[in-house]
Amino acid sequence: MCLGIPGQVVEILDGYHGQLALVTVSGENRKVNIGLLDQDPVGPGDWVIIHMGLAVEKTDEAGAAAALAGLNLMGRGEQP
């Protein structure tokens, strides 16, 4: 099973050919590789789903909220 964690892009970092972004994940800023999203480029304010340091999907704020809600439920061991 693979889990993706939503995060919001803060900025595209200089010096990495547009492949690295600073992304806020649960209140912490992390460097995330956005190279897999070349077909649908991201920018500051966009939401992405992150798996193992790679942004694998672009989403919107509602999608990010739904993903976080699901992760929170799994963490508590409750049924939806």
PDB file of N, CA and C in Angstrom:
ATOM      1  N   MET A   1       0.845  -1.178   0.000  1.00  0.00           N
ATOM      2  CA  MET A   1       0.000   0.000   0.000  1.00  0.00           C
ATOM      3  C   MET A   1       0.884   1.232   0.000  1.00  0.00           C
ATOM      4  N   CYS A   2       0.551   2.160  -0.853  1.00  0.00           N
ATOM      5  CA  CYS A   2       1.295   3.413  -0.929  1.00  0.00           C
ATOM      6  C   CYS A   2       0.439   4.541  -0.370  1.00  0.00           C
ATOM      7  N   LEU A   3       1.060   5.392   0.380  1.00  0.00           N
ATOM      8  CA  LEU A   3       0.370   6.542   0.927  1.00  0.00           C
ATOM      9  C   LEU A   3       0.947   7.804   0.335  1.00  0.00           C
ATOM     10  N   GLY A   4       0.074   8.710  -0.013  1.00  0.00           N
ATOM     11  CA  GLY A   4       0.490  10.019  -0.471  1.00  0.00           C
ATOM     12  C   GLY A   4       0.040  11.048   0.535  1.00  0.00           C
ATOM     13  N   ILE A   5       0.899  12.004   0.775  1.00  0.00           N
ATOM     14  CA  ILE A   5       0.612  13.053   1.745  1.00  0.00           C
ATOM     15  C   ILE A   5       0.457  14.364   0.986  1.00  0.00           C
ATOM     16  N   PRO A   6      -0.625  15.106   1.253  1.00  0.00           N
ATOM     17  CA  PRO A   6      -0.803  16.373   0.547  1.00  0.00           C
ATOM     18  C   PRO A   6       0.079  17.475   1.127  1.00  0.00           C
ATOM     19  N   GLY A   7       0.501  18.364   0.251  1.00  0.00           N
ATOM     20  CA  GLY A   7       1.272  19.533   0.666  1.00  0.00           C
ATOM     21  C   GLY A   7       1.008  20.678  -0.291  1.00  0.00           C
ATOM     22  N   GLN A   8       1.277  21.889   0.180  1.00  0.00           N
ATOM     23  CA  GLN A   8       1.055  23.080  -0.648  1.00  0.00           C
ATOM     24  C   GLN A   8       2.396  23.683  -1.033  1.00  0.00           C
ATOM     25  N   VAL A   9       2.564  23.929  -2.318  1.00  0.00           N
ATOM     26  CA  VAL A   9       3.811  24.487  -2.841  1.00  0.00           C
ATOM     27  C   VAL A   9       3.975  25.922  -2.353  1.00  0.00           C
ATOM     28  N   VAL A  10       5.143  26.196  -1.782  1.00  0.00           N
ATOM     29  CA  VAL A  10       5.466  27.546  -1.316  1.00  0.00           C
ATOM     30  C   VAL A  10       6.255  28.291  -2.390  1.00  0.00           C
ATOM     31  N   GLU A  11       7.272  27.618  -2.935  1.00  0.00           N
ATOM     32  CA  GLU A  11       8.070  28.232  -3.991  1.00  0.00           C
ATOM     33  C   GLU A  11       8.808  27.164  -4.778  1.00  0.00           C
ATOM     34  N   ILE A  12       9.147  27.524  -6.014  1.00  0.00           N
ATOM     35  CA  ILE A  12      10.009  26.675  -6.834  1.00  0.00           C
ATOM     36  C   ILE A  12      11.432  27.125  -6.557  1.00  0.00           C
ATOM     37  N   LEU A  13      12.294  26.194  -6.140  1.00  0.00           N
ATOM     38  CA  LEU A  13      13.648  26.556  -5.726  1.00  0.00           C
ATOM     39  C   LEU A  13      14.550  26.798  -6.935  1.00  0.00           C
ATOM     40  N   ASP A  14      15.353  27.840  -6.849  1.00  0.00           N
ATOM     41  CA  ASP A  14      16.303  28.182  -7.905  1.00  0.00           C
ATOM     42  C   ASP A  14      17.437  27.162  -7.952  1.00  0.00           C
ATOM     43  N   GLY A  15      17.980  26.960  -9.147  1.00  0.00           N
ATOM     44  CA  GLY A  15      19.174  26.141  -9.299  1.00  0.00           C
ATOM     45  C   GLY A  15      18.928  24.656  -9.483  1.00  0.00           C
ATOM     46  N   TYR A  16      17.680  24.236  -9.649  1.00  0.00           N
ATOM     47  CA  TYR A  16      17.398  22.806  -9.809  1.00  0.00           C
ATOM     48  C   TYR A  16      16.599  22.542 -11.087  1.00  0.00           C
ATOM     49  N   HIS A  17      16.722  23.434 -12.072  1.00  0.00           N
ATOM     50  CA  HIS A  17      16.037  23.280 -13.366  1.00  0.00           C
ATOM     51  C   HIS A  17      14.528  23.108 -13.205  1.00  0.00           C
ATOM     52  N   GLY A  18      13.950  23.765 -12.191  1.00  0.00           N
ATOM     53  CA  GLY A  18      12.503  23.685 -11.976  1.00  0.00           C
ATOM     54  C   GLY A  18      12.033  22.348 -11.443  1.00  0.00           C
ATOM     55  N   GLN A  19      12.942  21.530 -10.938  1.00  0.00           N
ATOM     56  CA  GLN A  19      12.606  20.181 -10.475  1.00  0.00           C
ATOM     57  C   GLN A  19      12.392  20.071  -8.965  1.00  0.00           C
ATOM     58  N   LEU A  20      12.708  21.143  -8.216  1.00  0.00           N
ATOM     59  CA  LEU A  20      12.618  21.064  -6.758  1.00  0.00           C
ATOM     60  C   LEU A  20      11.797  22.235  -6.234  1.00  0.00           C
ATOM     61  N   ALA A  21      10.885  21.926  -5.307  1.00  0.00           N
ATOM     62  CA  ALA A  21      10.020  22.948  -4.727  1.00  0.00           C
ATOM     63  C   ALA A  21      10.059  22.854  -3.209  1.00  0.00           C
ATOM     64  N   LEU A  22       9.805  23.978  -2.573  1.00  0.00           N
ATOM     65  CA  LEU A  22       9.599  24.005  -1.136  1.00  0.00           C
ATOM     66  C   LEU A  22       8.101  23.847  -0.916  1.00  0.00           C
ATOM     67  N   VAL A  23       7.711  22.831  -0.151  1.00  0.00           N
ATOM     68  CA  VAL A  23       6.299  22.486   0.022  1.00  0.00           C
ATOM     69  C   VAL A  23       5.993  22.396   1.516  1.00  0.00           C
ATOM     70  N   THR A  24       4.884  22.995   1.932  1.00  0.00           N
ATOM     71  CA  THR A  24       4.446  22.901   3.324  1.00  0.00           C
ATOM     72  C   THR A  24       3.616  21.641   3.499  1.00  0.00           C
ATOM     73  N   VAL A  25       4.089  20.781   4.410  1.00  0.00           N
ATOM     74  CA  VAL A  25       3.406  19.529   4.719  1.00  0.00           C
ATOM     75  C   VAL A  25       3.163  19.506   6.226  1.00  0.00           C
ATOM     76  N   SER A  26       1.919  19.531   6.616  1.00  0.00           N
ATOM     77  CA  SER A  26       1.545  19.517   8.035  1.00  0.00           C
ATOM     78  C   SER A  26       2.315  20.573   8.832  1.00  0.00           C
ATOM     79  N   GLY A  27       2.435  21.754   8.269  1.00  0.00           N
ATOM     80  CA  GLY A  27       3.064  22.872   8.970  1.00  0.00           C
ATOM     81  C   GLY A  27       4.571  22.955   8.853  1.00  0.00           C
ATOM     82  N   GLU A  28       5.204  21.973   8.204  1.00  0.00           N
ATOM     83  CA  GLU A  28       6.666  21.993   8.028  1.00  0.00           C
ATOM     84  C   GLU A  28       7.005  22.144   6.549  1.00  0.00           C
ATOM     85  N   ASN A  29       8.037  22.925   6.257  1.00  0.00           N
ATOM     86  CA  ASN A  29       8.496  23.071   4.876  1.00  0.00           C
ATOM     87  C   ASN A  29       9.480  21.968   4.527  1.00  0.00           C
ATOM     88  N   ARG A  30       9.257  21.351   3.375  1.00  0.00           N
ATOM     89  CA  ARG A  30      10.125  20.259   2.906  1.00  0.00           C
ATOM     90  C   ARG A  30      10.471  20.477   1.441  1.00  0.00           C
ATOM     91  N   LYS A  31      11.640  20.015   1.052  1.00  0.00           N
ATOM     92  CA  LYS A  31      12.022  20.043  -0.352  1.00  0.00           C
ATOM     93  C   LYS A  31      11.432  18.806  -1.020  1.00  0.00           C
ATOM     94  N   VAL A  32      10.710  19.033  -2.120  1.00  0.00           N
ATOM     95  CA  VAL A  32      10.016  17.954  -2.830  1.00  0.00           C
ATOM     96  C   VAL A  32      10.372  18.036  -4.308  1.00  0.00           C
ATOM     97  N   ASN A  33      10.662  16.891  -4.895  1.00  0.00           N
ATOM     98  CA  ASN A  33      10.933  16.827  -6.331  1.00  0.00           C
ATOM     99  C   ASN A  33       9.611  16.884  -7.085  1.00  0.00           C
ATOM    100  N   ILE A  34       9.467  17.862  -7.975  1.00  0.00           N
ATOM    101  CA  ILE A  34       8.231  18.025  -8.742  1.00  0.00           C
ATOM    102  C   ILE A  34       8.418  17.636 -10.208  1.00  0.00           C
ATOM    103  N   GLY A  35       9.527  16.987 -10.510  1.00  0.00           N
ATOM    104  CA  GLY A  35       9.866  16.644 -11.885  1.00  0.00           C
ATOM    105  C   GLY A  35       8.874  15.730 -12.574  1.00  0.00           C
ATOM    106  N   LEU A  36       8.151  14.904 -11.816  1.00  0.00           N
ATOM    107  CA  LEU A  36       7.171  14.006 -12.430  1.00  0.00           C
ATOM    108  C   LEU A  36       5.949  14.757 -12.943  1.00  0.00           C
ATOM    109  N   LEU A  37       5.798  16.017 -12.554  1.00  0.00           N
ATOM    110  CA  LEU A  37       4.622  16.790 -12.947  1.00  0.00           C
ATOM    111  C   LEU A  37       4.927  17.752 -14.092  1.00  0.00           C
ATOM    112  N   ASP A  38       5.928  17.441 -14.889  1.00  0.00           N
ATOM    113  CA  ASP A  38       6.285  18.305 -16.016  1.00  0.00           C
ATOM    114  C   ASP A  38       5.112  18.539 -16.961  1.00  0.00           C
ATOM    115  N   GLN A  39       4.230  17.549 -17.119  1.00  0.00           N
ATOM    116  CA  GLN A  39       3.081  17.676 -18.021  1.00  0.00           C
ATOM    117  C   GLN A  39       2.021  18.647 -17.476  1.00  0.00           C
ATOM    118  N   ASP A  40       1.999  18.810 -16.152  1.00  0.00           N
ATOM    119  CA  ASP A  40       1.030  19.685 -15.488  1.00  0.00           C
ATOM    120  C   ASP A  40       1.789  20.486 -14.431  1.00  0.00           C
ATOM    121  N   PRO A  41       2.584  21.469 -14.863  1.00  0.00           N
ATOM    122  CA  PRO A  41       3.489  22.181 -13.950  1.00  0.00           C
ATOM    123  C   PRO A  41       2.764  22.804 -12.760  1.00  0.00           C
ATOM    124  N   VAL A  42       3.459  22.851 -11.642  1.00  0.00           N
ATOM    125  CA  VAL A  42       2.917  23.437 -10.419  1.00  0.00           C
ATOM    126  C   VAL A  42       3.636  24.739 -10.104  1.00  0.00           C
ATOM    127  N   GLY A  43       3.001  25.550  -9.295  1.00  0.00           N
ATOM    128  CA  GLY A  43       3.577  26.809  -8.844  1.00  0.00           C
ATOM    129  C   GLY A  43       3.146  27.094  -7.429  1.00  0.00           C
ATOM    130  N   PRO A  44       3.618  28.185  -6.883  1.00  0.00           N
ATOM    131  CA  PRO A  44       3.250  28.546  -5.512  1.00  0.00           C
ATOM    132  C   PRO A  44       1.731  28.588  -5.339  1.00  0.00           C
ATOM    133  N   GLY A  45       1.275  27.983  -4.243  1.00  0.00           N
ATOM    134  CA  GLY A  45      -0.151  27.928  -3.935  1.00  0.00           C
ATOM    135  C   GLY A  45      -0.825  26.649  -4.390  1.00  0.00           C
ATOM    136  N   ASP A  46      -0.207  25.921  -5.326  1.00  0.00           N
ATOM    137  CA  ASP A  46      -0.792  24.655  -5.791  1.00  0.00           C
ATOM    138  C   ASP A  46      -0.643  23.570  -4.726  1.00  0.00           C
ATOM    139  N   TRP A  47      -1.551  22.625  -4.757  1.00  0.00           N
ATOM    140  CA  TRP A  47      -1.510  21.461  -3.865  1.00  0.00           C
ATOM    141  C   TRP A  47      -1.020  20.246  -4.641  1.00  0.00           C
ATOM    142  N   VAL A  48      -0.198  19.437  -3.998  1.00  0.00           N
ATOM    143  CA  VAL A  48       0.315  18.217  -4.617  1.00  0.00           C
ATOM    144  C   VAL A  48       0.212  17.060  -3.634  1.00  0.00           C
ATOM    145  N   ILE A  49       0.203  15.848  -4.177  1.00  0.00           N
ATOM    146  CA  ILE A  49       0.262  14.635  -3.367  1.00  0.00           C
ATOM    147  C   ILE A  49       1.695  14.131  -3.456  1.00  0.00           C
ATOM    148  N   ILE A  50       2.315  13.888  -2.298  1.00  0.00           N
ATOM    149  CA  ILE A  50       3.738  13.537  -2.204  1.00  0.00           C
ATOM    150  C   ILE A  50       3.888  12.092  -1.741  1.00  0.00           C
ATOM    151  N   HIS A  51       4.762  11.369  -2.438  1.00  0.00           N
ATOM    152  CA  HIS A  51       5.107  10.012  -2.026  1.00  0.00           C
ATOM    153  C   HIS A  51       6.619   9.866  -2.106  1.00  0.00           C
ATOM    154  N   MET A  52       7.244   9.588  -1.001  1.00  0.00           N
ATOM    155  CA  MET A  52       8.696   9.380  -0.908  1.00  0.00           C
ATOM    156  C   MET A  52       9.494  10.550  -1.497  1.00  0.00           C
ATOM    157  N   GLY A  53       9.069  11.760  -1.200  1.00  0.00           N
ATOM    158  CA  GLY A  53       9.800  12.938  -1.647  1.00  0.00           C
ATOM    159  C   GLY A  53       9.510  13.390  -3.060  1.00  0.00           C
ATOM    160  N   LEU A  54       8.604  12.685  -3.733  1.00  0.00           N
ATOM    161  CA  LEU A  54       8.233  13.030  -5.098  1.00  0.00           C
ATOM    162  C   LEU A  54       6.779  13.484  -5.149  1.00  0.00           C
ATOM    163  N   ALA A  55       6.511  14.595  -5.808  1.00  0.00           N
ATOM    164  CA  ALA A  55       5.130  15.001  -6.065  1.00  0.00           C
ATOM    165  C   ALA A  55       4.625  14.120  -7.197  1.00  0.00           C
ATOM    166  N   VAL A  56       3.594  13.327  -6.932  1.00  0.00           N
ATOM    167  CA  VAL A  56       3.116  12.357  -7.917  1.00  0.00           C
ATOM    168  C   VAL A  56       1.803  12.769  -8.562  1.00  0.00           C
ATOM    169  N   GLU A  57       1.146  13.773  -7.993  1.00  0.00           N
ATOM    170  CA  GLU A  57      -0.156  14.177  -8.515  1.00  0.00           C
ATOM    171  C   GLU A  57      -0.445  15.599  -8.071  1.00  0.00           C
ATOM    172  N   LYS A  58      -1.067  16.353  -8.949  1.00  0.00           N
ATOM    173  CA  LYS A  58      -1.541  17.684  -8.590  1.00  0.00           C
ATOM    174  C   LYS A  58      -2.986  17.535  -8.116  1.00  0.00           C
ATOM    175  N   THR A  59      -3.365  18.267  -7.089  1.00  0.00           N
ATOM    176  CA  THR A  59      -4.728  18.205  -6.589  1.00  0.00           C
ATOM    177  C   THR A  59      -5.200  19.623  -6.278  1.00  0.00           C
ATOM    178  N   ASP A  60      -6.391  19.728  -5.716  1.00  0.00           N
ATOM    179  CA  ASP A  60      -6.870  21.042  -5.290  1.00  0.00           C
ATOM    180  C   ASP A  60      -7.023  21.022  -3.769  1.00  0.00           C
ATOM    181  N   GLU A  61      -7.453  22.144  -3.216  1.00  0.00           N
ATOM    182  CA  GLU A  61      -7.544  22.245  -1.757  1.00  0.00           C
ATOM    183  C   GLU A  61      -8.526  21.220  -1.184  1.00  0.00           C
ATOM    184  N   ALA A  62      -9.640  20.977  -1.880  1.00  0.00           N
ATOM    185  CA  ALA A  62     -10.625  19.994  -1.403  1.00  0.00           C
ATOM    186  C   ALA A  62     -10.036  18.583  -1.425  1.00  0.00           C
ATOM    187  N   GLY A  63      -9.281  18.265  -2.487  1.00  0.00           N
ATOM    188  CA  GLY A  63      -8.634  16.957  -2.567  1.00  0.00           C
ATOM    189  C   GLY A  63      -7.601  16.779  -1.472  1.00  0.00           C
ATOM    190  N   ALA A  64      -6.855  17.834  -1.185  1.00  0.00           N
ATOM    191  CA  ALA A  64      -5.854  17.773  -0.114  1.00  0.00           C
ATOM    192  C   ALA A  64      -6.533  17.573   1.239  1.00  0.00           C
ATOM    193  N   ALA A  65      -7.646  18.274   1.462  1.00  0.00           N
ATOM    194  CA  ALA A  65      -8.369  18.139   2.730  1.00  0.00           C
ATOM    195  C   ALA A  65      -8.924  16.717   2.887  1.00  0.00           C
ATOM    196  N   ALA A  66      -9.439  16.143   1.808  1.00  0.00           N
ATOM    197  CA  ALA A  66      -9.973  14.777   1.859  1.00  0.00           C
ATOM    198  C   ALA A  66      -8.856  13.776   2.150  1.00  0.00           C
ATOM    199  N   ALA A  67      -7.694  13.973   1.523  1.00  0.00           N
ATOM    200  CA  ALA A  67      -6.559  13.073   1.767  1.00  0.00           C
ATOM    201  C   ALA A  67      -6.100  13.167   3.221  1.00  0.00           C
ATOM    202  N   LEU A  68      -6.020  14.386   3.748  1.00  0.00           N
ATOM    203  CA  LEU A  68      -5.613  14.559   5.143  1.00  0.00           C
ATOM    204  C   LEU A  68      -6.622  13.919   6.094  1.00  0.00           C
ATOM    205  N   ALA A  69      -7.914  14.073   5.795  1.00  0.00           N
ATOM    206  CA  ALA A  69      -8.945  13.471   6.638  1.00  0.00           C
ATOM    207  C   ALA A  69      -8.798  11.951   6.654  1.00  0.00           C
ATOM    208  N   GLY A  70      -8.534  11.362   5.492  1.00  0.00           N
ATOM    209  CA  GLY A  70      -8.337   9.918   5.424  1.00  0.00           C
ATOM    210  C   GLY A  70      -7.117   9.472   6.208  1.00  0.00           C
ATOM    211  N   LEU A  71      -6.033  10.230   6.096  1.00  0.00           N
ATOM    212  CA  LEU A  71      -4.816   9.885   6.853  1.00  0.00           C
ATOM    213  C   LEU A  71      -5.060  10.006   8.348  1.00  0.00           C
ATOM    214  N   ASN A  72      -5.799  11.027   8.747  1.00  0.00           N
ATOM    215  CA  ASN A  72      -6.109  11.193  10.174  1.00  0.00           C
ATOM    216  C   ASN A  72      -6.942  10.038  10.694  1.00  0.00           C
ATOM    217  N   LEU A  73      -7.917   9.577   9.902  1.00  0.00           N
ATOM    218  CA  LEU A  73      -8.732   8.434  10.309  1.00  0.00           C
ATOM    219  C   LEU A  73      -7.877   7.182  10.466  1.00  0.00           C
ATOM    220  N   MET A  74      -6.954   6.963   9.521  1.00  0.00           N
ATOM    221  CA  MET A  74      -6.093   5.776   9.608  1.00  0.00           C
ATOM    222  C   MET A  74      -5.215   5.850  10.849  1.00  0.00           C
ATOM    223  N   GLY A  75      -4.752   7.051  11.176  1.00  0.00           N
ATOM    224  CA  GLY A  75      -3.888   7.218  12.344  1.00  0.00           C
ATOM    225  C   GLY A  75      -4.603   6.958  13.646  1.00  0.00           C
ATOM    226  N   ARG A  76      -5.908   7.175  13.657  1.00  0.00           N
ATOM    227  CA  ARG A  76      -6.671   6.950  14.886  1.00  0.00           C
ATOM    228  C   ARG A  76      -7.283   5.563  14.929  1.00  0.00           C
ATOM    229  N   GLY A  77      -7.257   4.861  13.830  1.00  0.00           N
ATOM    230  CA  GLY A  77      -7.821   3.516  13.801  1.00  0.00           C
ATOM    231  C   GLY A  77      -9.340   3.499  13.850  1.00  0.00           C
ATOM    232  N   GLU A  78      -9.978   4.590  13.397  1.00  0.00           N
ATOM    233  CA  GLU A  78     -11.435   4.660  13.415  1.00  0.00           C
ATOM    234  C   GLU A  78     -12.002   4.254  12.058  1.00  0.00           C
ATOM    235  N   GLN A  79     -13.244   3.851  12.047  1.00  0.00           N
ATOM    236  CA  GLN A  79     -13.946   3.552  10.817  1.00  0.00           C
ATOM    237  C   GLN A  79     -14.528   4.842  10.267  1.00  0.00           C
ATOM    238  N   PRO A  80     -14.528   5.025   8.933  1.00  0.00           N
ATOM    239  CA  PRO A  80     -15.130   6.247   8.371  1.00  0.00           C
ATOM    240  C   PRO A  80     -16.631   6.272   8.559  1.00  0.00           C
TER     241      PRO A  80
END
